[in-house]
Structures are given as structure tokens and as C-alpha cells.
Amino acid sequence: TQNDVRQIQLGKAALYAGIRLLMDRMHVEDIERIRLAGAF
């Protein structure tokens, strides 16, 4: 549903925003390696 899409957008936007904050604080524009942990 449209609401399903919106819920995923909200979740992924919160995650990306948190990552972007750390990148800003470290003055980093490029990430060279990403590791996704956990069952998900």
C-alpha cells in the first residue's frame, strides 16, 4: 500500500539522516566500506 511505502521511507530516512550527521561531524563525503550487521 501507499502507507507501506511511506513507513519504509520514514525508517530509511531516519537511518540515512543519522549516518549523514556522523559524516558531517567527521567532515567526510565518501565512505569506503559498509558493513550491515544483525539478522536484517
Full PDB file with SEQRES, HELIX, SHEET, SSBOND, CRYST1, ORIGX, SCALE, CONECT and MASTER records, all heavy atoms in Angstrom:
SEQRES   1 A   40  THR GLN ASN ASP VAL ARG GLN ILE GLN LEU GLY LYS ALA          
SEQRES   2 A   40  ALA LEU TYR ALA GLY ILE ARG LEU LEU MET ASP ARG MET          
SEQRES   3 A   40  HIS VAL GLU ASP ILE GLU ARG ILE ARG LEU ALA GLY ALA          
SEQRES   4 A   40  PHE                                                          
HELIX    1 AA1 GLN A    2  ARG A   25  1                                  24    
CRYST1    1.000    1.000    1.000  90.00  90.00  90.00 P 1           1          
ORIGX1      1.000000  0.000000  0.000000        0.00000                         
ORIGX2      0.000000  1.000000  0.000000        0.00000                         
ORIGX3      0.000000  0.000000  1.000000        0.00000                         
SCALE1      1.000000  0.000000  0.000000        0.00000                         
SCALE2      0.000000  1.000000  0.000000        0.00000                         
SCALE3      0.000000  0.000000  1.000000        0.00000                         
ATOM      1  N   THR A   1       0.830  -1.202   0.000  1.00  0.00           N  
ATOM      2  CA  THR A   1       0.000   0.000   0.000  1.00  0.00           C  
ATOM      3  C   THR A   1       0.865   1.252   0.000  1.00  0.00           C  
ATOM      4  O   THR A   1       2.073   1.207   0.260  1.00  0.00           O  
ATOM      5  CB  THR A   1      -0.910   0.022   1.230  1.00  0.00           C  
ATOM      6  OG1 THR A   1      -0.093   0.209   2.406  1.00  0.00           O  
ATOM      7  CG2 THR A   1      -1.685  -1.280   1.370  1.00  0.00           C  
ATOM      8  N   GLN A   2       0.212   2.372  -0.267  1.00  0.00           N  
ATOM      9  CA  GLN A   2       0.932   3.637  -0.206  1.00  0.00           C  
ATOM     10  C   GLN A   2       1.497   3.880   1.199  1.00  0.00           C  
ATOM     11  O   GLN A   2       2.610   4.378   1.371  1.00  0.00           O  
ATOM     12  CB  GLN A   2       0.004   4.788  -0.598  1.00  0.00           C  
ATOM     13  CG  GLN A   2       0.679   6.146  -0.655  1.00  0.00           C  
ATOM     14  CD  GLN A   2       1.743   6.225  -1.742  1.00  0.00           C  
ATOM     15  OE1 GLN A   2       1.429   6.261  -2.917  1.00  0.00           O  
ATOM     16  NE2 GLN A   2       3.007   6.255  -1.342  1.00  0.00           N  
ATOM     17  N   ASN A   3       0.739   3.471   2.208  1.00  0.00           N  
ATOM     18  CA  ASN A   3       1.218   3.644   3.581  1.00  0.00           C  
ATOM     19  C   ASN A   3       2.428   2.754   3.870  1.00  0.00           C  
ATOM     20  O   ASN A   3       3.331   3.144   4.617  1.00  0.00           O  
ATOM     21  CB  ASN A   3       0.105   3.335   4.578  1.00  0.00           C  
ATOM     22  CG  ASN A   3       0.541   3.614   6.008  1.00  0.00           C  
ATOM     23  OD1 ASN A   3       0.837   4.754   6.376  1.00  0.00           O  
ATOM     24  ND2 ASN A   3       0.598   2.569   6.817  1.00  0.00           N  
ATOM     25  N   ASP A   4       2.458   1.546   3.261  1.00  0.00           N  
ATOM     26  CA  ASP A   4       3.625   0.676   3.433  1.00  0.00           C  
ATOM     27  C   ASP A   4       4.885   1.372   2.914  1.00  0.00           C  
ATOM     28  O   ASP A   4       5.938   1.346   3.562  1.00  0.00           O  
ATOM     29  CB  ASP A   4       3.437  -0.644   2.685  1.00  0.00           C  
ATOM     30  CG  ASP A   4       2.313  -1.490   3.251  1.00  0.00           C  
ATOM     31  OD1 ASP A   4       1.953  -1.289   4.425  1.00  0.00           O  
ATOM     32  OD2 ASP A   4       1.809  -2.359   2.511  1.00  0.00           O  
ATOM     33  N   VAL A   5       4.763   1.962   1.733  1.00  0.00           N  
ATOM     34  CA  VAL A   5       5.901   2.675   1.148  1.00  0.00           C  
ATOM     35  C   VAL A   5       6.328   3.810   2.071  1.00  0.00           C  
ATOM     36  O   VAL A   5       7.524   4.009   2.338  1.00  0.00           O  
ATOM     37  CB  VAL A   5       5.550   3.227  -0.250  1.00  0.00           C  
ATOM     38  CG1 VAL A   5       6.727   4.015  -0.825  1.00  0.00           C  
ATOM     39  CG2 VAL A   5       5.155   2.099  -1.196  1.00  0.00           C  
ATOM     40  N   ARG A   6       5.339   4.533   2.587  1.00  0.00           N  
ATOM     41  CA  ARG A   6       5.657   5.666   3.447  1.00  0.00           C  
ATOM     42  C   ARG A   6       6.359   5.214   4.727  1.00  0.00           C  
ATOM     43  O   ARG A   6       7.303   5.858   5.196  1.00  0.00           O  
ATOM     44  CB  ARG A   6       4.386   6.441   3.785  1.00  0.00           C  
ATOM     45  CG  ARG A   6       4.610   7.748   4.502  1.00  0.00           C  
ATOM     46  CD  ARG A   6       5.405   8.760   3.681  1.00  0.00           C  
ATOM     47  NE  ARG A   6       4.617   9.360   2.638  1.00  0.00           N  
ATOM     48  CZ  ARG A   6       4.988   9.379   1.359  1.00  0.00           C  
ATOM     49  NH1 ARG A   6       6.130   8.830   0.980  1.00  0.00           N  
ATOM     50  NH2 ARG A   6       4.243   9.966   0.446  1.00  0.00           N  
ATOM     51  N   GLN A   7       5.924   4.108   5.316  1.00  0.00           N  
ATOM     52  CA  GLN A   7       6.564   3.618   6.544  1.00  0.00           C  
ATOM     53  C   GLN A   7       8.033   3.267   6.304  1.00  0.00           C  
ATOM     54  O   GLN A   7       8.897   3.560   7.125  1.00  0.00           O  
ATOM     55  CB  GLN A   7       5.820   2.387   7.079  1.00  0.00           C  
ATOM     56  CG  GLN A   7       4.427   2.663   7.624  1.00  0.00           C  
ATOM     57  CD  GLN A   7       4.444   3.648   8.784  1.00  0.00           C  
ATOM     58  OE1 GLN A   7       5.342   3.636   9.614  1.00  0.00           O  
ATOM     59  NE2 GLN A   7       3.434   4.506   8.826  1.00  0.00           N  
ATOM     60  N   ILE A   8       8.300   2.639   5.174  1.00  0.00           N  
ATOM     61  CA  ILE A   8       9.694   2.311   4.853  1.00  0.00           C  
ATOM     62  C   ILE A   8      10.495   3.578   4.583  1.00  0.00           C  
ATOM     63  O   ILE A   8      11.664   3.688   4.992  1.00  0.00           O  
ATOM     64  CB  ILE A   8       9.758   1.353   3.642  1.00  0.00           C  
ATOM     65  CG1 ILE A   8       9.156  -0.002   4.020  1.00  0.00           C  
ATOM     66  CG2 ILE A   8      11.186   1.190   3.155  1.00  0.00           C  
ATOM     67  CD1 ILE A   8       9.891  -0.735   5.128  1.00  0.00           C  
ATOM     68  N   GLN A   9       9.880   4.553   3.914  1.00  0.00           N  
ATOM     69  CA  GLN A   9      10.578   5.820   3.690  1.00  0.00           C  
ATOM     70  C   GLN A   9      10.945   6.493   5.015  1.00  0.00           C  
ATOM     71  O   GLN A   9      12.050   7.018   5.169  1.00  0.00           O  
ATOM     72  CB  GLN A   9       9.708   6.770   2.863  1.00  0.00           C  
ATOM     73  CG  GLN A   9       9.623   6.419   1.385  1.00  0.00           C  
ATOM     74  CD  GLN A   9       8.735   7.392   0.638  1.00  0.00           C  
ATOM     75  OE1 GLN A   9       7.510   7.255   0.663  1.00  0.00           O  
ATOM     76  NE2 GLN A   9       9.349   8.386   0.010  1.00  0.00           N  
ATOM     77  N   LEU A  10      10.019   6.478   5.961  1.00  0.00           N  
ATOM     78  CA  LEU A  10      10.292   7.092   7.259  1.00  0.00           C  
ATOM     79  C   LEU A  10      11.458   6.402   7.958  1.00  0.00           C  
ATOM     80  O   LEU A  10      12.335   7.050   8.529  1.00  0.00           O  
ATOM     81  CB  LEU A  10       9.038   7.027   8.138  1.00  0.00           C  
ATOM     82  CG  LEU A  10       7.868   7.921   7.723  1.00  0.00           C  
ATOM     83  CD1 LEU A  10       6.595   7.508   8.453  1.00  0.00           C  
ATOM     84  CD2 LEU A  10       8.185   9.383   8.000  1.00  0.00           C  
ATOM     85  N   GLY A  11      11.447   5.078   7.917  1.00  0.00           N  
ATOM     86  CA  GLY A  11      12.520   4.326   8.569  1.00  0.00           C  
ATOM     87  C   GLY A  11      13.859   4.541   7.908  1.00  0.00           C  
ATOM     88  O   GLY A  11      14.882   4.776   8.581  1.00  0.00           O  
ATOM     89  N   LYS A  12      13.876   4.474   6.586  1.00  0.00           N  
ATOM     90  CA  LYS A  12      15.162   4.599   5.883  1.00  0.00           C  
ATOM     91  C   LYS A  12      15.681   6.034   5.947  1.00  0.00           C  
ATOM     92  O   LYS A  12      16.894   6.264   5.999  1.00  0.00           O  
ATOM     93  CB  LYS A  12      15.027   4.097   4.447  1.00  0.00           C  
ATOM     94  CG  LYS A  12      14.293   5.003   3.472  1.00  0.00           C  
ATOM     95  CD  LYS A  12      15.277   5.806   2.624  1.00  0.00           C  
ATOM     96  CE  LYS A  12      14.566   6.632   1.565  1.00  0.00           C  
ATOM     97  NZ  LYS A  12      15.521   7.426   0.753  1.00  0.00           N  
ATOM     98  N   ALA A  13      14.782   7.006   5.984  1.00  0.00           N  
ATOM     99  CA  ALA A  13      15.209   8.399   6.095  1.00  0.00           C  
ATOM    100  C   ALA A  13      15.842   8.664   7.456  1.00  0.00           C  
ATOM    101  O   ALA A  13      16.839   9.389   7.565  1.00  0.00           O  
ATOM    102  CB  ALA A  13      14.032   9.339   5.869  1.00  0.00           C  
ATOM    103  N   ALA A  14      15.271   8.075   8.508  1.00  0.00           N  
ATOM    104  CA  ALA A  14      15.843   8.244   9.842  1.00  0.00           C  
ATOM    105  C   ALA A  14      17.241   7.638   9.904  1.00  0.00           C  
ATOM    106  O   ALA A  14      18.167   8.225  10.487  1.00  0.00           O  
ATOM    107  CB  ALA A  14      14.934   7.596  10.886  1.00  0.00           C  
ATOM    108  N   LEU A  15      17.415   6.461   9.293  1.00  0.00           N  
ATOM    109  CA  LEU A  15      18.723   5.815   9.295  1.00  0.00           C  
ATOM    110  C   LEU A  15      19.734   6.653   8.515  1.00  0.00           C  
ATOM    111  O   LEU A  15      20.847   6.920   8.993  1.00  0.00           O  
ATOM    112  CB  LEU A  15      18.607   4.412   8.693  1.00  0.00           C  
ATOM    113  CG  LEU A  15      19.921   3.641   8.525  1.00  0.00           C  
ATOM    114  CD1 LEU A  15      20.649   3.509   9.858  1.00  0.00           C  
ATOM    115  CD2 LEU A  15      19.659   2.266   7.919  1.00  0.00           C  
ATOM    116  N   TYR A  16      19.363   7.063   7.311  1.00  0.00           N  
ATOM    117  CA  TYR A  16      20.287   7.844   6.481  1.00  0.00           C  
ATOM    118  C   TYR A  16      20.654   9.156   7.170  1.00  0.00           C  
ATOM    119  O   TYR A  16      21.811   9.586   7.142  1.00  0.00           O  
ATOM    120  CB  TYR A  16      19.656   8.118   5.114  1.00  0.00           C  
ATOM    121  CG  TYR A  16      20.623   8.712   4.103  1.00  0.00           C  
ATOM    122  CD1 TYR A  16      21.235   7.909   3.158  1.00  0.00           C  
ATOM    123  CD2 TYR A  16      20.934  10.075   4.115  1.00  0.00           C  
ATOM    124  CE1 TYR A  16      22.136   8.447   2.234  1.00  0.00           C  
ATOM    125  CE2 TYR A  16      21.828  10.620   3.214  1.00  0.00           C  
ATOM    126  CZ  TYR A  16      22.422   9.803   2.270  1.00  0.00           C  
ATOM    127  OH  TYR A  16      23.323  10.339   1.372  1.00  0.00           O  
ATOM    128  N   ALA A  17      19.666   9.796   7.800  1.00  0.00           N  
ATOM    129  CA  ALA A  17      19.928  11.074   8.466  1.00  0.00           C  
ATOM    130  C   ALA A  17      20.930  10.900   9.599  1.00  0.00           C  
ATOM    131  O   ALA A  17      21.810  11.751   9.806  1.00  0.00           O  
ATOM    132  CB  ALA A  17      18.620  11.668   8.996  1.00  0.00           C  
ATOM    133  N   GLY A  18      20.811   9.808  10.347  1.00  0.00           N  
ATOM    134  CA  GLY A  18      21.774   9.537  11.409  1.00  0.00           C  
ATOM    135  C   GLY A  18      23.166   9.341  10.854  1.00  0.00           C  
ATOM    136  O   GLY A  18      24.160   9.864  11.399  1.00  0.00           O  
ATOM    137  N   ILE A  19      23.271   8.598   9.764  1.00  0.00           N  
ATOM    138  CA  ILE A  19      24.578   8.380   9.128  1.00  0.00           C  
ATOM    139  C   ILE A  19      25.154   9.704   8.631  1.00  0.00           C  
ATOM    140  O   ILE A  19      26.337  10.003   8.813  1.00  0.00           O  
ATOM    141  CB  ILE A  19      24.444   7.373   7.966  1.00  0.00           C  
ATOM    142  CG1 ILE A  19      24.009   5.995   8.486  1.00  0.00           C  
ATOM    143  CG2 ILE A  19      25.757   7.276   7.193  1.00  0.00           C  
ATOM    144  CD1 ILE A  19      23.617   5.023   7.393  1.00  0.00           C  
ATOM    145  N   ARG A  20      24.291  10.505   7.998  1.00  0.00           N  
ATOM    146  CA  ARG A  20      24.742  11.779   7.434  1.00  0.00           C  
ATOM    147  C   ARG A  20      25.246  12.728   8.521  1.00  0.00           C  
ATOM    148  O   ARG A  20      26.218  13.474   8.322  1.00  0.00           O  
ATOM    149  CB  ARG A  20      23.595  12.416   6.655  1.00  0.00           C  
ATOM    150  CG  ARG A  20      23.946  13.647   5.862  1.00  0.00           C  
ATOM    151  CD  ARG A  20      24.906  13.340   4.743  1.00  0.00           C  
ATOM    152  NE  ARG A  20      26.134  14.124   4.872  1.00  0.00           N  
ATOM    153  CZ  ARG A  20      27.100  14.152   3.966  1.00  0.00           C  
ATOM    154  NH1 ARG A  20      26.994  13.425   2.865  1.00  0.00           N  
ATOM    155  NH2 ARG A  20      28.171  14.869   4.150  1.00  0.00           N  
ATOM    156  N   LEU A  21      24.602  12.686   9.696  1.00  0.00           N  
ATOM    157  CA  LEU A  21      25.065  13.516  10.811  1.00  0.00           C  
ATOM    158  C   LEU A  21      26.495  13.164  11.201  1.00  0.00           C  
ATOM    159  O   LEU A  21      27.325  14.043  11.434  1.00  0.00           O  
ATOM    160  CB  LEU A  21      24.150  13.330  12.024  1.00  0.00           C  
ATOM    161  CG  LEU A  21      22.895  14.200  12.105  1.00  0.00           C  
ATOM    162  CD1 LEU A  21      22.119  13.862  13.366  1.00  0.00           C  
ATOM    163  CD2 LEU A  21      23.250  15.680  12.080  1.00  0.00           C  
ATOM    164  N   LEU A  22      26.778  11.862  11.284  1.00  0.00           N  
ATOM    165  CA  LEU A  22      28.137  11.436  11.620  1.00  0.00           C  
ATOM    166  C   LEU A  22      29.118  11.864  10.536  1.00  0.00           C  
ATOM    167  O   LEU A  22      30.245  12.285  10.836  1.00  0.00           O  
ATOM    168  CB  LEU A  22      28.195   9.922  11.819  1.00  0.00           C  
ATOM    169  CG  LEU A  22      27.374   9.337  12.978  1.00  0.00           C  
ATOM    170  CD1 LEU A  22      27.687   7.851  13.142  1.00  0.00           C  
ATOM    171  CD2 LEU A  22      27.640  10.077  14.275  1.00  0.00           C  
ATOM    172  N   MET A  23      28.707  11.753   9.274  1.00  0.00           N  
ATOM    173  CA  MET A  23      29.580  12.175   8.177  1.00  0.00           C  
ATOM    174  C   MET A  23      29.874  13.670   8.274  1.00  0.00           C  
ATOM    175  O   MET A  23      31.010  14.113   8.052  1.00  0.00           O  
ATOM    176  CB  MET A  23      28.942  11.826   6.829  1.00  0.00           C  
ATOM    177  CG  MET A  23      28.819  10.328   6.579  1.00  0.00           C  
ATOM    178  SD  MET A  23      27.894   9.912   5.072  1.00  0.00           S  
ATOM    179  CE  MET A  23      29.032  10.493   3.797  1.00  0.00           C  
ATOM    180  N   ASP A  24      28.848  14.460   8.614  1.00  0.00           N  
ATOM    181  CA  ASP A  24      29.054  15.903   8.776  1.00  0.00           C  
ATOM    182  C   ASP A  24      30.046  16.189   9.892  1.00  0.00           C  
ATOM    183  O   ASP A  24      30.960  17.008   9.742  1.00  0.00           O  
ATOM    184  CB  ASP A  24      27.725  16.594   9.097  1.00  0.00           C  
ATOM    185  CG  ASP A  24      26.779  16.625   7.914  1.00  0.00           C  
ATOM    186  OD1 ASP A  24      27.221  16.301   6.792  1.00  0.00           O  
ATOM    187  OD2 ASP A  24      25.592  16.947   8.118  1.00  0.00           O  
ATOM    188  N   ARG A  25      29.855  15.520  11.028  1.00  0.00           N  
ATOM    189  CA  ARG A  25      30.710  15.778  12.188  1.00  0.00           C  
ATOM    190  C   ARG A  25      32.160  15.389  11.911  1.00  0.00           C  
ATOM    191  O   ARG A  25      33.083  15.985  12.463  1.00  0.00           O  
ATOM    192  CB  ARG A  25      30.179  14.995  13.395  1.00  0.00           C  
ATOM    193  CG  ARG A  25      28.857  15.511  13.941  1.00  0.00           C  
ATOM    194  CD  ARG A  25      29.037  16.799  14.729  1.00  0.00           C  
ATOM    195  NE  ARG A  25      29.701  16.557  16.001  1.00  0.00           N  
ATOM    196  CZ  ARG A  25      29.061  16.304  17.142  1.00  0.00           C  
ATOM    197  NH1 ARG A  25      27.725  16.260  17.157  1.00  0.00           N  
ATOM    198  NH2 ARG A  25      29.732  16.096  18.262  1.00  0.00           N  
ATOM    199  N   MET A  26      32.354  14.387  11.052  1.00  0.00           N  
ATOM    200  CA  MET A  26      33.706  13.936  10.737  1.00  0.00           C  
ATOM    201  C   MET A  26      34.246  14.583   9.465  1.00  0.00           C  
ATOM    202  O   MET A  26      35.366  14.286   9.044  1.00  0.00           O  
ATOM    203  CB  MET A  26      33.737  12.407  10.598  1.00  0.00           C  
ATOM    204  CG  MET A  26      33.403  11.685  11.883  1.00  0.00           C  
ATOM    205  SD  MET A  26      33.642   9.897  11.784  1.00  0.00           S  
ATOM    206  CE  MET A  26      35.425   9.811  11.803  1.00  0.00           C  
ATOM    207  N   HIS A  27      33.429  15.469   8.833  1.00  0.00           N  
ATOM    208  CA  HIS A  27      33.816  16.150   7.591  1.00  0.00           C  
ATOM    209  C   HIS A  27      34.176  15.126   6.514  1.00  0.00           C  
ATOM    210  O   HIS A  27      35.201  15.233   5.832  1.00  0.00           O  
ATOM    211  CB  HIS A  27      34.994  17.103   7.843  1.00  0.00           C  
ATOM    212  CG  HIS A  27      34.744  18.083   8.950  1.00  0.00           C  
ATOM    213  ND1 HIS A  27      33.853  19.125   8.832  1.00  0.00           N  
ATOM    214  CD2 HIS A  27      35.266  18.153  10.216  1.00  0.00           C  
ATOM    215  CE1 HIS A  27      33.836  19.809   9.970  1.00  0.00           C  
ATOM    216  NE2 HIS A  27      34.672  19.240  10.825  1.00  0.00           N  
ATOM    217  N   VAL A  28      33.297  14.158   6.351  1.00  0.00           N  
ATOM    218  CA  VAL A  28      33.505  13.066   5.402  1.00  0.00           C  
ATOM    219  C   VAL A  28      32.415  13.115   4.337  1.00  0.00           C  
ATOM    220  O   VAL A  28      31.227  13.274   4.653  1.00  0.00           O  
ATOM    221  CB  VAL A  28      33.455  11.705   6.135  1.00  0.00           C  
ATOM    222  CG1 VAL A  28      33.362  10.560   5.147  1.00  0.00           C  
ATOM    223  CG2 VAL A  28      34.674  11.543   7.025  1.00  0.00           C  
ATOM    224  N   GLU A  29      32.799  12.977   3.080  1.00  0.00           N  
ATOM    225  CA  GLU A  29      31.827  12.926   1.988  1.00  0.00           C  
ATOM    226  C   GLU A  29      31.732  11.542   1.368  1.00  0.00           C  
ATOM    227  O   GLU A  29      30.728  11.206   0.743  1.00  0.00           O  
ATOM    228  CB  GLU A  29      32.184  13.947   0.907  1.00  0.00           C  
ATOM    229  CG  GLU A  29      31.939  15.390   1.317  1.00  0.00           C  
ATOM    230  CD  GLU A  29      30.475  15.656   1.663  1.00  0.00           C  
ATOM    231  OE1 GLU A  29      29.579  15.070   1.015  1.00  0.00           O  
ATOM    232  OE2 GLU A  29      30.229  16.441   2.597  1.00  0.00           O  
ATOM    233  N   ASP A  30      32.773  10.735   1.520  1.00  0.00           N  
ATOM    234  CA  ASP A  30      32.793   9.412   0.903  1.00  0.00           C  
ATOM    235  C   ASP A  30      33.058   8.339   1.948  1.00  0.00           C  
ATOM    236  O   ASP A  30      33.933   8.494   2.813  1.00  0.00           O  
ATOM    237  CB  ASP A  30      33.873   9.329  -0.180  1.00  0.00           C  
ATOM    238  CG  ASP A  30      33.613  10.310  -1.319  1.00  0.00           C  
ATOM    239  OD1 ASP A  30      32.507  10.268  -1.873  1.00  0.00           O  
ATOM    240  OD2 ASP A  30      34.515  11.110  -1.615  1.00  0.00           O  
ATOM    241  N   ILE A  31      32.306   7.257   1.834  1.00  0.00           N  
ATOM    242  CA  ILE A  31      32.510   6.100   2.703  1.00  0.00           C  
ATOM    243  C   ILE A  31      33.087   4.984   1.846  1.00  0.00           C  
ATOM    244  O   ILE A  31      32.581   4.680   0.764  1.00  0.00           O  
ATOM    245  CB  ILE A  31      31.188   5.669   3.364  1.00  0.00           C  
ATOM    246  CG1 ILE A  31      30.721   6.766   4.329  1.00  0.00           C  
ATOM    247  CG2 ILE A  31      31.346   4.346   4.100  1.00  0.00           C  
ATOM    248  CD1 ILE A  31      29.379   6.509   4.950  1.00  0.00           C  
ATOM    249  N   GLU A  32      34.152   4.371   2.347  1.00  0.00           N  
ATOM    250  CA  GLU A  32      34.867   3.379   1.544  1.00  0.00           C  
ATOM    251  C   GLU A  32      34.423   1.947   1.816  1.00  0.00           C  
ATOM    252  O   GLU A  32      34.661   1.057   1.000  1.00  0.00           O  
ATOM    253  CB  GLU A  32      36.369   3.498   1.814  1.00  0.00           C  
ATOM    254  CG  GLU A  32      36.940   4.847   1.405  1.00  0.00           C  
ATOM    255  CD  GLU A  32      38.295   5.107   2.007  1.00  0.00           C  
ATOM    256  OE1 GLU A  32      38.373   5.532   3.174  1.00  0.00           O  
ATOM    257  OE2 GLU A  32      39.300   4.879   1.294  1.00  0.00           O  
ATOM    258  N   ARG A  33      33.788   1.720   2.946  1.00  0.00           N  
ATOM    259  CA  ARG A  33      33.426   0.346   3.315  1.00  0.00           C  
ATOM    260  C   ARG A  33      32.186   0.390   4.205  1.00  0.00           C  
ATOM    261  O   ARG A  33      32.118   1.173   5.150  1.00  0.00           O  
ATOM    262  CB  ARG A  33      34.597  -0.310   4.059  1.00  0.00           C  
ATOM    263  CG  ARG A  33      34.372  -1.721   4.551  1.00  0.00           C  
ATOM    264  CD  ARG A  33      35.686  -2.266   5.115  1.00  0.00           C  
ATOM    265  NE  ARG A  33      35.521  -3.593   5.697  1.00  0.00           N  
ATOM    266  CZ  ARG A  33      35.310  -3.817   6.997  1.00  0.00           C  
ATOM    267  NH1 ARG A  33      35.245  -2.799   7.846  1.00  0.00           N  
ATOM    268  NH2 ARG A  33      35.177  -5.041   7.454  1.00  0.00           N  
ATOM    269  N   ILE A  34      31.188  -0.452   3.883  1.00  0.00           N  
ATOM    270  CA  ILE A  34      29.958  -0.515   4.679  1.00  0.00           C  
ATOM    271  C   ILE A  34      29.702  -1.959   5.079  1.00  0.00           C  
ATOM    272  O   ILE A  34      29.757  -2.863   4.239  1.00  0.00           O  
ATOM    273  CB  ILE A  34      28.735   0.032   3.897  1.00  0.00           C  
ATOM    274  CG1 ILE A  34      28.958   1.494   3.502  1.00  0.00           C  
ATOM    275  CG2 ILE A  34      27.465  -0.106   4.730  1.00  0.00           C  
ATOM    276  CD1 ILE A  34      27.838   2.090   2.676  1.00  0.00           C  
ATOM    277  N   ARG A  35      29.428  -2.166   6.355  1.00  0.00           N  
ATOM    278  CA  ARG A  35      29.102  -3.496   6.868  1.00  0.00           C  
ATOM    279  C   ARG A  35      27.747  -3.421   7.570  1.00  0.00           C  
ATOM    280  O   ARG A  35      27.532  -2.602   8.467  1.00  0.00           O  
ATOM    281  CB  ARG A  35      30.175  -3.963   7.840  1.00  0.00           C  
ATOM    282  CG  ARG A  35      31.538  -4.133   7.207  1.00  0.00           C  
ATOM    283  CD  ARG A  35      31.649  -5.429   6.442  1.00  0.00           C  
ATOM    284  NE  ARG A  35      31.875  -6.544   7.349  1.00  0.00           N  
ATOM    285  CZ  ARG A  35      31.830  -7.817   6.970  1.00  0.00           C  
ATOM    286  NH1 ARG A  35      31.539  -8.131   5.716  1.00  0.00           N  
ATOM    287  NH2 ARG A  35      32.066  -8.786   7.832  1.00  0.00           N  
ATOM    288  N   LEU A  36      26.825  -4.283   7.147  1.00  0.00           N  
ATOM    289  CA  LEU A  36      25.482  -4.335   7.715  1.00  0.00           C  
ATOM    290  C   LEU A  36      25.399  -5.513   8.668  1.00  0.00           C  
ATOM    291  O   LEU A  36      25.555  -6.669   8.262  1.00  0.00           O  
ATOM    292  CB  LEU A  36      24.432  -4.469   6.601  1.00  0.00           C  
ATOM    293  CG  LEU A  36      24.443  -3.342   5.556  1.00  0.00           C  
ATOM    294  CD1 LEU A  36      23.431  -3.630   4.461  1.00  0.00           C  
ATOM    295  CD2 LEU A  36      24.158  -2.001   6.202  1.00  0.00           C  
ATOM    296  N   ALA A  37      25.160  -5.228   9.919  1.00  0.00           N  
ATOM    297  CA  ALA A  37      25.177  -6.260  10.950  1.00  0.00           C  
ATOM    298  C   ALA A  37      23.767  -6.686  11.323  1.00  0.00           C  
ATOM    299  O   ALA A  37      22.783  -6.033  10.975  1.00  0.00           O  
ATOM    300  CB  ALA A  37      25.919  -5.746  12.192  1.00  0.00           C  
ATOM    301  N   GLY A  38      23.679  -7.791  12.065  1.00  0.00           N  
ATOM    302  CA  GLY A  38      22.402  -8.267  12.573  1.00  0.00           C  
ATOM    303  C   GLY A  38      21.676  -9.149  11.582  1.00  0.00           C  
ATOM    304  O   GLY A  38      22.088  -9.319  10.426  1.00  0.00           O  
ATOM    305  N   ALA A  39      20.565  -9.712  12.046  1.00  0.00           N  
ATOM    306  CA  ALA A  39      19.790 -10.623  11.211  1.00  0.00           C  
ATOM    307  C   ALA A  39      19.271  -9.922   9.967  1.00  0.00           C  
ATOM    308  O   ALA A  39      19.280 -10.477   8.869  1.00  0.00           O  
ATOM    309  CB  ALA A  39      18.632 -11.205  12.017  1.00  0.00           C  
ATOM    310  N   PHE A  40      18.840  -8.664  10.106  1.00  0.00           N  
ATOM    311  CA  PHE A  40      18.331  -7.912   8.960  1.00  0.00           C  
ATOM    312  C   PHE A  40      19.440  -7.698   7.935  1.00  0.00           C  
ATOM    313  O   PHE A  40      19.273  -7.958   6.746  1.00  0.00           O  
ATOM    314  CB  PHE A  40      17.769  -6.578   9.439  1.00  0.00           C  
ATOM    315  CG  PHE A  40      17.195  -5.729   8.335  1.00  0.00           C  
ATOM    316  CD1 PHE A  40      15.941  -5.995   7.833  1.00  0.00           C  
ATOM    317  CD2 PHE A  40      17.919  -4.679   7.801  1.00  0.00           C  
ATOM    318  CE1 PHE A  40      15.410  -5.218   6.807  1.00  0.00           C  
ATOM    319  CE2 PHE A  40      17.402  -3.902   6.783  1.00  0.00           C  
ATOM    320  CZ  PHE A  40      16.135  -4.170   6.287  1.00  0.00           C  
TER     321      PHE A  40                                                      
MASTER        0    0    0    1    0    0    0    6  320    1    0    4          
END                                                                             
